[in-house]
N, C-alpha and C. Protein backbone atom coordinates (compact mmCIF):
# COMPACT_ATOMS: atom_id res chain seq x y z
N MET A 1 -116.56 129.07 41.39
CA MET A 1 -115.99 128.33 40.27
C MET A 1 -115.48 129.27 39.16
N ARG A 2 -115.21 130.53 39.48
CA ARG A 2 -114.87 131.49 38.45
C ARG A 2 -113.45 131.30 37.91
N HIS A 3 -112.68 130.39 38.50
CA HIS A 3 -111.31 130.13 38.02
C HIS A 3 -111.28 128.97 37.04
N ILE A 4 -112.43 128.47 36.62
CA ILE A 4 -112.50 127.32 35.73
C ILE A 4 -111.87 127.66 34.38
N LYS A 5 -110.97 126.76 33.91
CA LYS A 5 -110.31 126.96 32.62
C LYS A 5 -110.58 125.82 31.63
N TYR A 6 -111.21 124.75 32.12
CA TYR A 6 -111.45 123.59 31.26
C TYR A 6 -112.68 122.85 31.81
N ILE A 7 -113.55 122.40 30.91
CA ILE A 7 -114.73 121.64 31.34
C ILE A 7 -114.67 120.24 30.76
N LEU A 8 -114.81 119.28 31.64
CA LEU A 8 -114.76 117.86 31.27
C LEU A 8 -116.15 117.27 31.52
N PHE A 9 -116.68 116.59 30.50
CA PHE A 9 -118.02 116.02 30.59
C PHE A 9 -117.99 114.50 30.56
N ASP A 10 -118.91 113.89 31.27
CA ASP A 10 -119.26 112.50 31.02
C ASP A 10 -120.01 112.48 29.69
N ALA A 11 -120.19 111.30 29.09
CA ALA A 11 -120.89 111.23 27.80
C ALA A 11 -122.31 110.71 27.95
N ALA A 12 -122.47 109.40 28.20
CA ALA A 12 -123.80 108.79 28.22
C ALA A 12 -124.66 109.38 29.33
N ASN A 13 -125.83 109.88 28.94
CA ASN A 13 -126.83 110.47 29.83
C ASN A 13 -126.38 111.79 30.45
N THR A 14 -125.27 112.31 29.94
CA THR A 14 -124.84 113.67 30.27
C THR A 14 -124.88 114.53 29.02
N LEU A 15 -124.21 114.07 27.97
CA LEU A 15 -124.22 114.76 26.69
C LEU A 15 -125.16 114.10 25.68
N ILE A 16 -125.19 112.78 25.71
CA ILE A 16 -125.98 112.02 24.75
C ILE A 16 -126.90 111.04 25.48
N HIS A 17 -128.01 110.71 24.83
CA HIS A 17 -128.97 109.77 25.42
C HIS A 17 -129.69 109.04 24.30
N LYS A 18 -130.57 108.13 24.71
CA LYS A 18 -131.36 107.35 23.77
C LYS A 18 -132.85 107.60 24.04
N PRO A 19 -133.40 108.66 23.46
CA PRO A 19 -134.79 109.02 23.76
C PRO A 19 -135.80 107.95 23.39
N LEU A 20 -135.47 107.11 22.41
CA LEU A 20 -136.39 106.04 22.02
C LEU A 20 -136.51 104.95 23.07
N LEU A 21 -135.55 104.89 23.98
CA LEU A 21 -135.55 103.83 24.99
C LEU A 21 -136.85 103.82 25.78
N TRP A 22 -137.26 104.98 26.27
CA TRP A 22 -138.42 105.04 27.16
C TRP A 22 -139.70 104.75 26.40
N LYS A 23 -139.80 105.25 25.19
CA LYS A 23 -140.97 104.99 24.35
C LYS A 23 -141.09 103.51 24.03
N ASN A 24 -139.99 102.91 23.62
CA ASN A 24 -140.02 101.48 23.27
C ASN A 24 -140.26 100.60 24.48
N LEU A 25 -139.67 100.99 25.60
CA LEU A 25 -139.85 100.21 26.82
C LEU A 25 -141.30 100.24 27.28
N GLN A 26 -141.92 101.42 27.20
CA GLN A 26 -143.34 101.54 27.57
C GLN A 26 -144.21 100.70 26.64
N MET A 27 -143.88 100.65 25.36
CA MET A 27 -144.65 99.85 24.40
C MET A 27 -144.57 98.37 24.74
N VAL A 28 -143.38 97.89 25.09
CA VAL A 28 -143.21 96.48 25.43
C VAL A 28 -143.97 96.14 26.70
N LEU A 29 -143.84 96.99 27.71
CA LEU A 29 -144.52 96.73 28.99
C LEU A 29 -146.03 96.80 28.84
N SER A 30 -146.51 97.80 28.08
CA SER A 30 -147.94 97.94 27.87
C SER A 30 -148.52 96.74 27.13
N LYS A 31 -147.78 96.23 26.18
CA LYS A 31 -148.21 95.05 25.43
C LYS A 31 -148.39 93.85 26.35
N SER A 32 -147.60 93.82 27.44
CA SER A 32 -147.69 92.72 28.40
C SER A 32 -148.64 93.03 29.55
N GLY A 33 -149.33 94.17 29.46
CA GLY A 33 -150.33 94.51 30.46
C GLY A 33 -149.83 95.32 31.63
N TYR A 34 -148.64 95.93 31.50
CA TYR A 34 -148.08 96.71 32.61
C TYR A 34 -148.05 98.20 32.22
N GLU A 35 -148.63 99.04 33.07
CA GLU A 35 -148.60 100.48 32.88
C GLU A 35 -147.76 101.08 34.00
N VAL A 36 -146.59 101.57 33.64
CA VAL A 36 -145.64 102.09 34.62
C VAL A 36 -145.42 103.58 34.37
N PRO A 37 -145.56 104.43 35.38
CA PRO A 37 -145.32 105.86 35.20
C PRO A 37 -143.90 106.12 34.69
N ASP A 38 -143.77 107.11 33.82
CA ASP A 38 -142.45 107.41 33.25
C ASP A 38 -141.42 107.75 34.31
N ASP A 39 -141.82 108.52 35.32
CA ASP A 39 -140.85 108.93 36.32
C ASP A 39 -140.33 107.74 37.12
N LEU A 40 -141.19 106.76 37.41
CA LEU A 40 -140.76 105.56 38.11
C LEU A 40 -139.84 104.73 37.23
N LEU A 41 -140.17 104.64 35.96
CA LEU A 41 -139.36 103.90 35.01
C LEU A 41 -137.94 104.47 34.96
N LYS A 42 -137.84 105.78 34.81
CA LYS A 42 -136.54 106.42 34.69
C LYS A 42 -135.76 106.37 36.00
N ARG A 43 -136.47 106.55 37.12
CA ARG A 43 -135.79 106.55 38.42
C ARG A 43 -135.19 105.18 38.73
N ASN A 44 -135.99 104.12 38.56
CA ASN A 44 -135.48 102.79 38.88
C ASN A 44 -134.36 102.38 37.94
N HIS A 45 -134.48 102.74 36.67
CA HIS A 45 -133.43 102.44 35.70
C HIS A 45 -132.14 103.15 36.09
N LYS A 46 -132.26 104.41 36.51
CA LYS A 46 -131.10 105.19 36.91
C LYS A 46 -130.43 104.63 38.15
N LEU A 47 -131.23 104.32 39.16
CA LEU A 47 -130.67 103.81 40.42
C LEU A 47 -130.00 102.46 40.23
N LEU A 48 -130.57 101.61 39.39
CA LEU A 48 -129.94 100.33 39.11
C LEU A 48 -128.63 100.53 38.35
N SER A 49 -128.62 101.48 37.42
CA SER A 49 -127.40 101.77 36.66
C SER A 49 -126.28 102.25 37.57
N GLU A 50 -126.63 102.90 38.67
CA GLU A 50 -125.63 103.38 39.62
C GLU A 50 -124.92 102.23 40.33
N HIS A 51 -125.60 101.13 40.49
CA HIS A 51 -125.06 100.05 41.32
C HIS A 51 -124.45 98.90 40.52
N LEU A 52 -124.75 98.82 39.23
CA LEU A 52 -124.18 97.76 38.40
C LEU A 52 -123.05 98.31 37.55
N LYS A 53 -122.00 97.54 37.38
CA LYS A 53 -120.87 97.96 36.55
C LYS A 53 -121.18 97.62 35.09
N PHE A 54 -121.24 98.63 34.26
CA PHE A 54 -121.45 98.42 32.83
C PHE A 54 -120.12 98.12 32.16
N PRO A 55 -120.03 97.06 31.38
CA PRO A 55 -118.81 96.81 30.62
C PRO A 55 -118.69 97.81 29.47
N ASP A 56 -117.46 97.99 28.96
CA ASP A 56 -117.29 98.91 27.83
C ASP A 56 -118.11 98.45 26.63
N ARG A 57 -118.18 97.14 26.45
CA ARG A 57 -118.99 96.57 25.37
C ARG A 57 -120.01 95.63 26.00
N THR A 58 -121.27 95.99 25.87
CA THR A 58 -122.33 95.21 26.48
C THR A 58 -122.69 94.00 25.61
N SER A 59 -123.45 93.09 26.19
CA SER A 59 -123.83 91.86 25.49
C SER A 59 -125.26 91.49 25.85
N ARG A 60 -125.80 90.52 25.16
CA ARG A 60 -127.15 90.04 25.47
C ARG A 60 -127.22 89.50 26.90
N ASP A 61 -126.18 88.77 27.32
CA ASP A 61 -126.16 88.23 28.67
C ASP A 61 -126.18 89.35 29.72
N PHE A 62 -125.40 90.40 29.46
CA PHE A 62 -125.38 91.53 30.41
C PHE A 62 -126.77 92.13 30.53
N TYR A 63 -127.40 92.42 29.39
CA TYR A 63 -128.71 93.07 29.43
C TYR A 63 -129.79 92.16 29.99
N SER A 64 -129.62 90.87 29.84
CA SER A 64 -130.58 89.94 30.43
C SER A 64 -130.57 90.07 31.95
N GLY A 65 -129.36 90.14 32.52
CA GLY A 65 -129.25 90.32 33.97
C GLY A 65 -129.73 91.68 34.42
N PHE A 66 -129.33 92.73 33.68
CA PHE A 66 -129.73 94.09 34.04
C PHE A 66 -131.24 94.24 33.97
N ASN A 67 -131.84 93.80 32.88
CA ASN A 67 -133.29 93.97 32.70
C ASN A 67 -134.09 93.10 33.66
N SER A 68 -133.54 91.96 34.06
CA SER A 68 -134.21 91.15 35.08
C SER A 68 -134.32 91.92 36.39
N ASP A 69 -133.20 92.49 36.83
CA ASP A 69 -133.21 93.27 38.07
C ASP A 69 -134.09 94.50 37.93
N PHE A 70 -134.07 95.11 36.76
CA PHE A 70 -134.89 96.29 36.52
C PHE A 70 -136.38 95.95 36.63
N LEU A 71 -136.79 94.86 36.03
CA LEU A 71 -138.19 94.45 36.10
C LEU A 71 -138.59 94.10 37.53
N TYR A 72 -137.73 93.41 38.23
CA TYR A 72 -138.02 93.09 39.63
C TYR A 72 -138.25 94.37 40.43
N SER A 73 -137.45 95.42 40.16
CA SER A 73 -137.58 96.68 40.90
C SER A 73 -138.93 97.36 40.64
N LEU A 74 -139.56 97.00 39.51
CA LEU A 74 -140.87 97.55 39.17
C LEU A 74 -142.02 96.66 39.61
N GLY A 75 -141.68 95.50 40.21
CA GLY A 75 -142.71 94.56 40.63
C GLY A 75 -143.20 93.67 39.49
N ILE A 76 -142.34 93.45 38.50
CA ILE A 76 -142.70 92.64 37.33
C ILE A 76 -141.79 91.43 37.25
N SER A 77 -142.35 90.26 37.06
CA SER A 77 -141.55 89.04 36.92
C SER A 77 -140.89 89.01 35.55
N PRO A 78 -139.58 88.83 35.50
CA PRO A 78 -138.86 88.85 34.23
C PRO A 78 -138.92 87.50 33.50
N THR A 79 -140.00 87.27 32.80
CA THR A 79 -140.12 86.03 32.03
C THR A 79 -139.17 86.07 30.83
N PRO A 80 -138.75 84.91 30.33
CA PRO A 80 -137.87 84.89 29.16
C PRO A 80 -138.47 85.64 27.97
N GLU A 81 -139.77 85.53 27.79
CA GLU A 81 -140.42 86.20 26.66
C GLU A 81 -140.34 87.73 26.80
N LEU A 82 -140.58 88.23 28.01
CA LEU A 82 -140.54 89.66 28.23
C LEU A 82 -139.12 90.19 28.09
N LEU A 83 -138.16 89.46 28.61
CA LEU A 83 -136.76 89.86 28.49
C LEU A 83 -136.33 89.91 27.02
N ASP A 84 -136.79 88.96 26.25
CA ASP A 84 -136.45 88.92 24.83
C ASP A 84 -137.05 90.12 24.10
N GLU A 85 -138.28 90.47 24.44
CA GLU A 85 -138.93 91.62 23.79
C GLU A 85 -138.24 92.93 24.16
N ILE A 86 -137.83 93.05 25.42
CA ILE A 86 -137.12 94.26 25.84
C ILE A 86 -135.79 94.36 25.13
N PHE A 87 -135.08 93.26 25.04
CA PHE A 87 -133.78 93.30 24.36
C PHE A 87 -133.94 93.68 22.90
N THR A 88 -134.91 93.08 22.24
CA THR A 88 -135.13 93.34 20.82
C THR A 88 -135.56 94.78 20.56
N GLY A 89 -136.43 95.31 21.40
CA GLY A 89 -136.99 96.64 21.16
C GLY A 89 -136.23 97.79 21.78
N CYS A 90 -135.36 97.49 22.76
CA CYS A 90 -134.79 98.58 23.55
C CYS A 90 -133.26 98.61 23.59
N THR A 91 -132.61 97.72 22.90
CA THR A 91 -131.16 97.63 22.99
C THR A 91 -130.50 98.14 21.72
N TYR A 92 -129.35 98.83 21.91
CA TYR A 92 -128.54 99.34 20.80
C TYR A 92 -129.33 100.33 19.93
N LEU A 93 -130.09 101.18 20.60
CA LEU A 93 -130.81 102.25 19.92
C LEU A 93 -129.85 103.39 19.60
N PRO A 94 -130.20 104.27 18.68
CA PRO A 94 -129.30 105.36 18.31
C PRO A 94 -129.16 106.41 19.42
N TRP A 95 -127.96 106.98 19.51
CA TRP A 95 -127.69 108.05 20.45
C TRP A 95 -128.09 109.39 19.83
N GLU A 96 -128.56 110.30 20.67
CA GLU A 96 -128.84 111.67 20.26
C GLU A 96 -128.32 112.61 21.34
N LYS A 97 -127.93 113.80 20.95
CA LYS A 97 -127.48 114.76 21.96
C LYS A 97 -128.68 115.42 22.63
N PHE A 98 -128.51 115.75 23.91
CA PHE A 98 -129.54 116.49 24.64
C PHE A 98 -129.65 117.89 24.05
N SER A 99 -130.85 118.43 24.04
CA SER A 99 -131.07 119.76 23.46
C SER A 99 -130.29 120.84 24.21
N ASP A 100 -130.10 120.67 25.53
CA ASP A 100 -129.41 121.71 26.30
C ASP A 100 -127.90 121.72 26.09
N THR A 101 -127.38 120.76 25.31
CA THR A 101 -125.94 120.75 25.01
C THR A 101 -125.56 121.86 24.03
N GLU A 102 -126.56 122.53 23.48
CA GLU A 102 -126.28 123.64 22.55
C GLU A 102 -125.47 124.74 23.23
N ILE A 103 -125.56 124.80 24.55
CA ILE A 103 -124.83 125.84 25.28
C ILE A 103 -123.33 125.68 25.19
N ILE A 104 -122.86 124.48 24.89
CA ILE A 104 -121.42 124.22 24.84
C ILE A 104 -120.72 125.15 23.86
N ASP A 105 -121.38 125.46 22.76
CA ASP A 105 -120.78 126.32 21.74
C ASP A 105 -120.52 127.73 22.24
N SER A 106 -121.20 128.14 23.29
CA SER A 106 -121.06 129.51 23.79
C SER A 106 -120.21 129.61 25.05
N LEU A 107 -119.63 128.52 25.50
CA LEU A 107 -118.92 128.52 26.78
C LEU A 107 -117.58 129.25 26.72
N GLN A 108 -116.95 129.31 25.56
CA GLN A 108 -115.67 129.98 25.38
C GLN A 108 -114.58 129.40 26.28
N LEU A 109 -114.67 128.10 26.51
CA LEU A 109 -113.66 127.36 27.25
C LEU A 109 -113.38 126.05 26.53
N PRO A 110 -112.15 125.53 26.63
CA PRO A 110 -111.90 124.21 26.05
C PRO A 110 -112.71 123.15 26.79
N VAL A 111 -113.21 122.17 26.05
CA VAL A 111 -114.05 121.13 26.64
C VAL A 111 -113.54 119.76 26.22
N GLY A 112 -113.78 118.77 27.07
CA GLY A 112 -113.39 117.40 26.78
C GLY A 112 -114.40 116.43 27.34
N ILE A 113 -114.15 115.15 27.11
CA ILE A 113 -115.04 114.08 27.56
C ILE A 113 -114.22 113.01 28.28
N LEU A 114 -114.74 112.52 29.39
CA LEU A 114 -114.17 111.39 30.12
C LEU A 114 -115.30 110.39 30.31
N SER A 115 -115.23 109.22 29.67
CA SER A 115 -116.40 108.35 29.64
C SER A 115 -116.04 106.87 29.70
N ASN A 116 -116.85 106.13 30.44
CA ASN A 116 -116.80 104.67 30.36
C ASN A 116 -117.56 104.26 29.10
N PHE A 117 -116.82 103.88 28.07
CA PHE A 117 -117.43 103.63 26.77
C PHE A 117 -116.44 102.83 25.93
N ASN A 118 -116.92 102.32 24.81
CA ASN A 118 -116.01 101.70 23.85
C ASN A 118 -115.60 102.74 22.81
N ASN A 119 -114.68 102.34 21.91
CA ASN A 119 -114.10 103.35 21.02
C ASN A 119 -115.01 103.80 19.89
N THR A 120 -116.28 103.38 19.88
CA THR A 120 -117.24 103.95 18.94
C THR A 120 -117.70 105.33 19.38
N LEU A 121 -117.35 105.72 20.60
CA LEU A 121 -117.82 107.00 21.12
C LEU A 121 -117.35 108.18 20.27
N LYS A 122 -116.11 108.13 19.79
CA LYS A 122 -115.59 109.26 19.02
C LYS A 122 -116.44 109.52 17.78
N GLU A 123 -116.84 108.46 17.11
CA GLU A 123 -117.68 108.62 15.92
C GLU A 123 -119.04 109.19 16.29
N THR A 124 -119.61 108.68 17.38
CA THR A 124 -120.92 109.17 17.82
C THR A 124 -120.86 110.65 18.18
N ILE A 125 -119.83 111.03 18.93
CA ILE A 125 -119.69 112.43 19.34
C ILE A 125 -119.46 113.32 18.12
N SER A 126 -118.65 112.86 17.18
CA SER A 126 -118.39 113.64 15.97
C SER A 126 -119.67 113.86 15.16
N GLU A 127 -120.48 112.81 15.07
CA GLU A 127 -121.74 112.92 14.33
C GLU A 127 -122.70 113.91 14.98
N GLN A 128 -122.72 113.92 16.31
CA GLN A 128 -123.68 114.75 17.03
C GLN A 128 -123.20 116.18 17.26
N PHE A 129 -121.87 116.35 17.44
CA PHE A 129 -121.35 117.65 17.85
C PHE A 129 -120.34 118.26 16.89
N GLY A 130 -119.82 117.48 15.96
CA GLY A 130 -118.70 117.96 15.17
C GLY A 130 -117.42 117.82 15.97
N GLU A 131 -116.44 118.65 15.66
CA GLU A 131 -115.14 118.55 16.34
C GLU A 131 -115.03 119.60 17.45
N VAL A 132 -115.91 119.50 18.42
CA VAL A 132 -115.97 120.50 19.50
C VAL A 132 -115.00 120.18 20.63
N PHE A 133 -114.81 118.90 20.91
CA PHE A 133 -114.10 118.49 22.13
C PHE A 133 -112.60 118.30 21.88
N LYS A 134 -111.83 118.94 22.73
CA LYS A 134 -110.37 118.92 22.59
C LYS A 134 -109.81 117.55 22.93
N HIS A 135 -110.36 116.90 23.94
CA HIS A 135 -109.94 115.55 24.35
C HIS A 135 -111.16 114.66 24.51
N ILE A 136 -111.03 113.39 24.15
CA ILE A 136 -112.07 112.40 24.43
C ILE A 136 -111.38 111.19 25.04
N PHE A 137 -111.52 111.05 26.36
CA PHE A 137 -110.90 109.95 27.09
C PHE A 137 -111.92 108.82 27.22
N ILE A 138 -111.60 107.67 26.64
CA ILE A 138 -112.53 106.54 26.58
C ILE A 138 -111.93 105.36 27.35
N SER A 139 -112.70 104.79 28.25
CA SER A 139 -112.18 103.74 29.13
C SER A 139 -111.60 102.56 28.36
N GLU A 140 -112.24 102.15 27.28
CA GLU A 140 -111.75 101.00 26.52
C GLU A 140 -110.34 101.26 25.97
N ASN A 141 -110.06 102.50 25.63
CA ASN A 141 -108.75 102.82 25.06
C ASN A 141 -107.65 102.89 26.10
N TYR A 142 -108.02 103.10 27.36
CA TYR A 142 -107.02 103.25 28.41
C TYR A 142 -106.93 102.05 29.35
N GLY A 143 -107.88 101.12 29.22
CA GLY A 143 -107.85 99.94 30.08
C GLY A 143 -108.16 100.23 31.53
N VAL A 144 -108.81 101.33 31.80
CA VAL A 144 -109.22 101.71 33.15
C VAL A 144 -110.51 102.49 33.04
N ALA A 145 -111.37 102.36 34.04
CA ALA A 145 -112.70 102.97 33.94
C ALA A 145 -113.08 103.67 35.24
N LYS A 146 -114.01 104.61 35.12
CA LYS A 146 -114.58 105.25 36.31
C LYS A 146 -115.29 104.19 37.16
N PRO A 147 -115.19 104.29 38.47
CA PRO A 147 -114.70 105.41 39.28
C PRO A 147 -113.22 105.34 39.66
N ASP A 148 -112.42 104.53 38.98
CA ASP A 148 -111.00 104.42 39.29
C ASP A 148 -110.34 105.79 39.14
N LEU A 149 -109.66 106.23 40.18
CA LEU A 149 -109.02 107.54 40.14
C LEU A 149 -107.94 107.64 39.08
N LYS A 150 -107.38 106.49 38.69
CA LYS A 150 -106.33 106.51 37.67
C LYS A 150 -106.84 107.08 36.35
N PHE A 151 -108.10 106.80 36.04
CA PHE A 151 -108.68 107.30 34.81
C PHE A 151 -108.78 108.84 34.85
N TYR A 152 -109.19 109.36 35.99
CA TYR A 152 -109.27 110.80 36.16
C TYR A 152 -107.88 111.44 36.14
N GLU A 153 -106.92 110.77 36.74
CA GLU A 153 -105.55 111.30 36.78
C GLU A 153 -104.97 111.41 35.37
N ILE A 154 -105.30 110.43 34.52
CA ILE A 154 -104.85 110.48 33.12
C ILE A 154 -105.41 111.72 32.44
N ALA A 155 -106.70 111.94 32.64
CA ALA A 155 -107.35 113.09 32.00
C ALA A 155 -106.76 114.41 32.49
N VAL A 156 -106.58 114.54 33.78
CA VAL A 156 -106.02 115.77 34.34
C VAL A 156 -104.63 116.02 33.77
N ARG A 157 -103.82 114.98 33.74
CA ARG A 157 -102.45 115.14 33.24
C ARG A 157 -102.43 115.55 31.76
N GLU A 158 -103.28 114.93 30.94
CA GLU A 158 -103.24 115.18 29.51
C GLU A 158 -103.91 116.50 29.13
N THR A 159 -104.83 116.99 29.95
CA THR A 159 -105.40 118.31 29.64
C THR A 159 -104.41 119.42 29.90
N GLY A 160 -103.49 119.18 30.85
CA GLY A 160 -102.49 120.19 31.17
C GLY A 160 -102.96 121.22 32.17
N PHE A 161 -104.16 121.03 32.73
CA PHE A 161 -104.68 121.96 33.73
C PHE A 161 -104.60 121.35 35.13
N ALA A 162 -104.55 122.21 36.12
CA ALA A 162 -104.58 121.75 37.51
C ALA A 162 -105.99 121.30 37.85
N PRO A 163 -106.13 120.35 38.78
CA PRO A 163 -107.47 119.87 39.15
C PRO A 163 -108.45 120.99 39.50
N HIS A 164 -107.98 121.99 40.24
CA HIS A 164 -108.90 123.06 40.66
C HIS A 164 -109.32 123.97 39.51
N GLU A 165 -108.68 123.81 38.34
CA GLU A 165 -109.04 124.61 37.17
C GLU A 165 -110.03 123.88 36.26
N ILE A 166 -110.36 122.63 36.63
CA ILE A 166 -111.23 121.79 35.80
C ILE A 166 -112.60 121.64 36.46
N LEU A 167 -113.64 121.76 35.66
CA LEU A 167 -115.00 121.46 36.12
C LEU A 167 -115.44 120.17 35.46
N TYR A 168 -115.83 119.19 36.27
CA TYR A 168 -116.30 117.92 35.73
C TYR A 168 -117.82 117.83 35.91
N ILE A 169 -118.50 117.44 34.83
CA ILE A 169 -119.96 117.34 34.84
C ILE A 169 -120.38 115.94 34.44
N GLY A 170 -121.17 115.29 35.29
CA GLY A 170 -121.65 113.95 34.99
C GLY A 170 -122.98 113.69 35.66
N ASP A 171 -123.56 112.54 35.36
CA ASP A 171 -124.91 112.24 35.87
C ASP A 171 -124.91 111.22 37.00
N SER A 172 -123.73 110.75 37.41
CA SER A 172 -123.64 109.71 38.45
C SER A 172 -122.87 110.21 39.66
N ILE A 173 -123.45 110.04 40.83
CA ILE A 173 -122.74 110.40 42.06
C ILE A 173 -121.56 109.45 42.28
N LYS A 174 -121.80 108.17 42.08
CA LYS A 174 -120.79 107.15 42.34
C LYS A 174 -119.64 107.19 41.34
N LEU A 175 -119.98 107.27 40.06
CA LEU A 175 -118.95 107.18 39.02
C LEU A 175 -118.32 108.52 38.69
N ASP A 176 -119.07 109.61 38.85
CA ASP A 176 -118.60 110.92 38.42
C ASP A 176 -118.24 111.85 39.57
N MET A 177 -119.18 112.09 40.47
CA MET A 177 -118.99 113.11 41.49
C MET A 177 -117.92 112.72 42.51
N GLU A 178 -118.04 111.54 43.08
CA GLU A 178 -117.13 111.17 44.18
C GLU A 178 -115.66 111.12 43.75
N PRO A 179 -115.33 110.44 42.64
CA PRO A 179 -113.91 110.45 42.25
C PRO A 179 -113.41 111.83 41.85
N ALA A 180 -114.25 112.64 41.20
CA ALA A 180 -113.84 113.99 40.83
C ALA A 180 -113.53 114.82 42.07
N ILE A 181 -114.37 114.70 43.06
CA ILE A 181 -114.17 115.44 44.30
C ILE A 181 -112.89 114.98 45.01
N ARG A 182 -112.64 113.68 44.99
CA ARG A 182 -111.44 113.14 45.65
C ARG A 182 -110.16 113.69 45.02
N LEU A 183 -110.21 114.01 43.73
CA LEU A 183 -109.04 114.57 43.05
C LEU A 183 -109.05 116.10 43.04
N CYS A 184 -109.99 116.68 43.78
CA CYS A 184 -110.09 118.14 43.94
C CYS A 184 -110.51 118.85 42.66
N LEU A 185 -111.23 118.15 41.79
CA LEU A 185 -111.85 118.82 40.65
C LEU A 185 -113.14 119.49 41.12
N ASN A 186 -113.50 120.58 40.50
CA ASN A 186 -114.84 121.12 40.69
C ASN A 186 -115.82 120.14 40.05
N SER A 187 -117.02 120.04 40.56
CA SER A 187 -117.94 119.05 40.02
C SER A 187 -119.39 119.54 40.10
N LEU A 188 -120.16 119.15 39.09
CA LEU A 188 -121.60 119.42 39.06
C LEU A 188 -122.32 118.17 38.58
N LEU A 189 -123.34 117.78 39.31
CA LEU A 189 -124.18 116.66 38.92
C LEU A 189 -125.29 117.17 37.99
N ILE A 190 -125.41 116.59 36.80
CA ILE A 190 -126.52 116.93 35.91
C ILE A 190 -127.65 115.95 36.20
N ASP A 191 -128.77 116.47 36.66
CA ASP A 191 -129.88 115.64 37.15
C ASP A 191 -131.18 116.12 36.51
N ARG A 192 -131.32 115.85 35.21
CA ARG A 192 -132.47 116.34 34.45
C ARG A 192 -133.80 115.76 34.92
N ASP A 193 -133.78 114.55 35.47
CA ASP A 193 -135.02 113.89 35.89
C ASP A 193 -135.29 114.02 37.39
N ASN A 194 -134.50 114.86 38.06
CA ASN A 194 -134.72 115.14 39.48
C ASN A 194 -134.70 113.88 40.34
N VAL A 195 -133.74 113.02 40.05
CA VAL A 195 -133.60 111.77 40.82
C VAL A 195 -132.94 112.04 42.17
N TYR A 196 -132.04 113.04 42.23
CA TYR A 196 -131.29 113.31 43.45
C TYR A 196 -131.53 114.75 43.93
N PRO A 197 -132.74 115.07 44.34
CA PRO A 197 -133.07 116.46 44.69
C PRO A 197 -132.30 117.02 45.88
N VAL A 198 -131.74 116.16 46.74
CA VAL A 198 -131.04 116.68 47.91
C VAL A 198 -129.54 116.84 47.67
N TYR A 199 -129.06 116.41 46.51
CA TYR A 199 -127.63 116.58 46.23
C TYR A 199 -127.33 118.07 46.03
N LYS A 200 -126.27 118.56 46.65
CA LYS A 200 -126.03 120.00 46.70
C LYS A 200 -125.49 120.58 45.40
N ASN A 201 -124.43 120.02 44.87
CA ASN A 201 -123.83 120.57 43.64
C ASN A 201 -124.52 119.96 42.44
N ARG A 202 -125.71 120.47 42.13
CA ARG A 202 -126.59 119.84 41.15
C ARG A 202 -127.20 120.88 40.24
N ILE A 203 -127.29 120.51 38.95
CA ILE A 203 -128.04 121.32 38.00
C ILE A 203 -129.04 120.41 37.30
N THR A 204 -130.11 120.98 36.80
CA THR A 204 -131.11 120.17 36.11
C THR A 204 -131.10 120.42 34.60
N SER A 205 -130.23 121.33 34.17
CA SER A 205 -130.05 121.61 32.74
C SER A 205 -128.67 122.21 32.54
N LEU A 206 -128.04 121.88 31.43
CA LEU A 206 -126.73 122.47 31.14
C LEU A 206 -126.84 123.97 30.91
N ASP A 207 -128.03 124.46 30.65
CA ASP A 207 -128.23 125.90 30.50
C ASP A 207 -127.87 126.65 31.78
N GLN A 208 -127.89 125.96 32.91
CA GLN A 208 -127.56 126.58 34.18
C GLN A 208 -126.06 126.75 34.40
N LEU A 209 -125.24 126.23 33.48
CA LEU A 209 -123.79 126.34 33.62
C LEU A 209 -123.31 127.77 33.74
N THR A 210 -123.97 128.68 33.06
CA THR A 210 -123.54 130.08 33.08
C THR A 210 -123.57 130.67 34.49
N LEU A 211 -124.32 130.06 35.38
CA LEU A 211 -124.38 130.54 36.76
C LEU A 211 -123.12 130.18 37.54
N TYR A 212 -122.35 129.23 37.02
CA TYR A 212 -121.17 128.72 37.75
C TYR A 212 -119.86 129.13 37.12
N LEU A 213 -119.90 129.83 36.01
CA LEU A 213 -118.67 130.17 35.30
C LEU A 213 -118.43 131.67 35.32
């Protein structure tokens, strides 16, 4: 990957996350008498997120369906009361950048973002990172979302680099890795929670980027 001239990142759970989610979720479940290991909680949440299409703007109805399936995957019946408590305590929490994103400042390459998100992302990224990213491609603004190849084609065209000169980094095999590979972009899966240990092009921290550049 030594010919890389531009790095494109996914946003949610690649650059930014909601650390309060797991703490609040454990509090709600514990209050209802359920003790679930953190790794199981994160793994099931991740795998479900891979299979459901998230809208650019989520709603209470969306989260009701998502959290119902999530609870079922943990062996917990999704009662209306429990779903309401999860929504109240775990939804629309603040975003924070991952600590390992500090490496971005030392990469000495132009960087951008390609994300399924609404147009509040620019403000969030600016608050967390400043004006680091040259491009921020947001699905709501383009009317197309990952894994649609058209979204990736827009980004490649507007960056001005050839696909083989771009490295794309994301946390989803379905939404990030497969379409990037189909367009001949270099790709790395960021897998901080070790959900996909057998995936080959994988890193567990952005600090490992220096090994590929």
